Amino acid sequence: GHLVGDAVLEEISAELKSSVREEDIVVRYGGDEFLLLLKDCDINKAEKILTRTAERIRNIDKFDFSVEISYGVMEVSGKEGLLSAVQQADKSMYEMKRNKSAPALHRQA
């Protein structure tokens, strides 16, 4: 139901916020989607952050079910490529959901 769904989103949000630095940004991007903007963070470090965070989310024990996330990671240098990077990361996240595999990593010039 909606109340449980909201509680799950709150737990995920808390884990995401606690997994990044103060200068990074975590926003709810859609119904159950979040966008993390990691300043001065290369794609390999971002992947490590998301892998660790996904494991912490998987270990949330407040519910009668397990919580898992799917994600896409993009590296952007400059504001020009931000929109396409978000779109590509979104596409990679859906790919991960479909394949239940490791996320696709992409670099943006």
Protein backbone atom coordinates (compact mmCIF):
# COMPACT_ATOMS: atom_id res chain seq x y z
CA GLY A 1 0.00 0.00 0.00
CA HIS A 2 0.87 3.65 -0.14
CA LEU A 3 1.91 3.93 3.50
CA VAL A 4 4.37 1.07 3.25
CA GLY A 5 5.63 2.39 -0.10
CA ASP A 6 6.21 5.81 1.45
CA ALA A 7 8.09 4.21 4.34
CA VAL A 8 10.30 2.30 1.90
CA LEU A 9 11.05 5.51 -0.03
CA GLU A 10 11.94 7.27 3.23
CA GLU A 11 14.37 4.47 4.15
CA ILE A 12 15.97 4.52 0.71
CA SER A 13 16.25 8.30 0.83
CA ALA A 14 17.94 8.16 4.24
CA GLU A 15 20.45 5.56 3.02
CA LEU A 16 21.22 7.56 -0.12
CA LYS A 17 21.75 10.77 1.85
CA SER A 18 24.00 9.05 4.38
CA SER A 19 26.07 7.48 1.57
CA VAL A 20 27.19 10.73 -0.06
CA ARG A 21 29.15 13.79 0.97
CA GLU A 22 27.62 17.06 2.16
CA GLU A 23 28.36 18.79 -1.16
CA ASP A 24 26.59 16.05 -3.16
CA ILE A 25 22.91 16.29 -4.04
CA VAL A 26 20.20 13.65 -3.61
CA VAL A 27 16.76 14.40 -5.10
CA ARG A 28 13.65 12.37 -5.72
CA TYR A 29 13.45 12.35 -9.50
CA GLY A 30 10.23 10.42 -10.06
CA GLY A 31 7.78 8.21 -8.21
CA ASP A 32 10.39 5.77 -6.94
CA GLU A 33 13.45 7.20 -8.67
CA PHE A 34 16.25 9.24 -7.15
CA LEU A 35 19.00 11.24 -8.78
CA LEU A 36 22.41 11.59 -7.14
CA LEU A 37 24.73 14.35 -8.29
CA LEU A 38 28.22 13.55 -7.02
CA LYS A 39 30.57 16.50 -7.38
CA ASP A 40 34.11 15.76 -8.58
CA CYS A 41 33.51 12.02 -8.50
CA ASP A 42 34.77 9.73 -11.23
CA ILE A 43 32.66 6.87 -12.53
CA ASN A 44 34.61 4.17 -10.66
CA LYS A 45 34.17 5.89 -7.31
CA ALA A 46 30.48 6.50 -8.06
CA GLU A 47 30.03 2.81 -8.85
CA LYS A 48 31.63 1.87 -5.51
CA ILE A 49 29.32 4.27 -3.67
CA LEU A 50 26.23 2.83 -5.38
CA THR A 51 27.31 -0.78 -4.87
CA ARG A 52 27.87 -0.15 -1.15
CA THR A 53 24.59 1.78 -0.85
CA ALA A 54 22.61 -0.93 -2.68
CA GLU A 55 23.96 -3.48 -0.20
CA ARG A 56 22.96 -1.30 2.75
CA ILE A 57 19.47 -0.90 1.28
CA ARG A 58 19.25 -4.66 0.71
CA ASN A 59 19.99 -5.13 4.43
CA ILE A 60 17.15 -2.90 5.65
CA ASP A 61 15.19 -5.13 7.99
CA LYS A 62 12.20 -2.91 8.82
CA PHE A 63 9.88 -4.62 6.36
CA ASP A 64 8.51 -8.13 5.76
CA PHE A 65 10.19 -8.10 2.35
CA SER A 66 13.58 -7.23 0.92
CA VAL A 67 14.23 -3.89 -0.72
CA GLU A 68 16.46 -3.73 -3.79
CA ILE A 69 17.46 -0.90 -6.06
CA SER A 70 18.51 -0.71 -9.68
CA TYR A 71 20.65 2.14 -10.93
CA GLY A 72 22.56 3.63 -13.82
CA VAL A 73 25.80 5.59 -13.49
CA MET A 74 27.00 8.33 -15.84
CA GLU A 75 30.03 10.59 -15.71
CA VAL A 76 29.49 14.18 -16.84
CA SER A 77 32.03 16.92 -17.29
CA GLY A 78 30.22 20.22 -17.70
CA LYS A 79 26.58 21.25 -17.60
CA GLU A 80 26.06 20.71 -21.33
CA GLY A 81 25.83 16.94 -21.07
CA LEU A 82 23.73 16.75 -17.91
CA LEU A 83 20.33 16.13 -19.53
CA SER A 84 21.59 13.40 -21.84
CA ALA A 85 23.56 11.86 -18.93
CA VAL A 86 20.40 11.70 -16.81
CA GLN A 87 18.51 10.13 -19.71
CA GLN A 88 21.27 7.55 -20.29
CA ALA A 89 21.52 6.73 -16.57
CA ASP A 90 17.74 6.25 -16.51
CA LYS A 91 17.99 3.91 -19.49
CA SER A 92 20.82 1.96 -17.79
CA MET A 93 18.75 1.69 -14.61
CA TYR A 94 15.85 0.14 -16.52
CA GLU A 95 18.31 -2.18 -18.26
CA MET A 96 19.58 -3.31 -14.86
CA LYS A 97 16.00 -3.91 -13.69
CA ARG A 98 15.32 -6.06 -16.75
CA ASN A 99 18.56 -7.99 -16.60
CA LYS A 100 18.99 -8.13 -12.81
CA SER A 101 22.70 -7.65 -13.49
CA ALA A 102 25.48 -5.17 -12.85
CA PRO A 103 24.76 -1.64 -14.08
CA ALA A 104 26.10 -0.35 -17.36
CA LEU A 105 28.70 2.38 -16.84
CA HIS A 106 29.02 5.22 -19.30
CA ARG A 107 31.32 8.18 -19.71
CA GLN A 108 30.11 11.52 -21.06
CA ALA A 109 32.54 13.94 -22.68
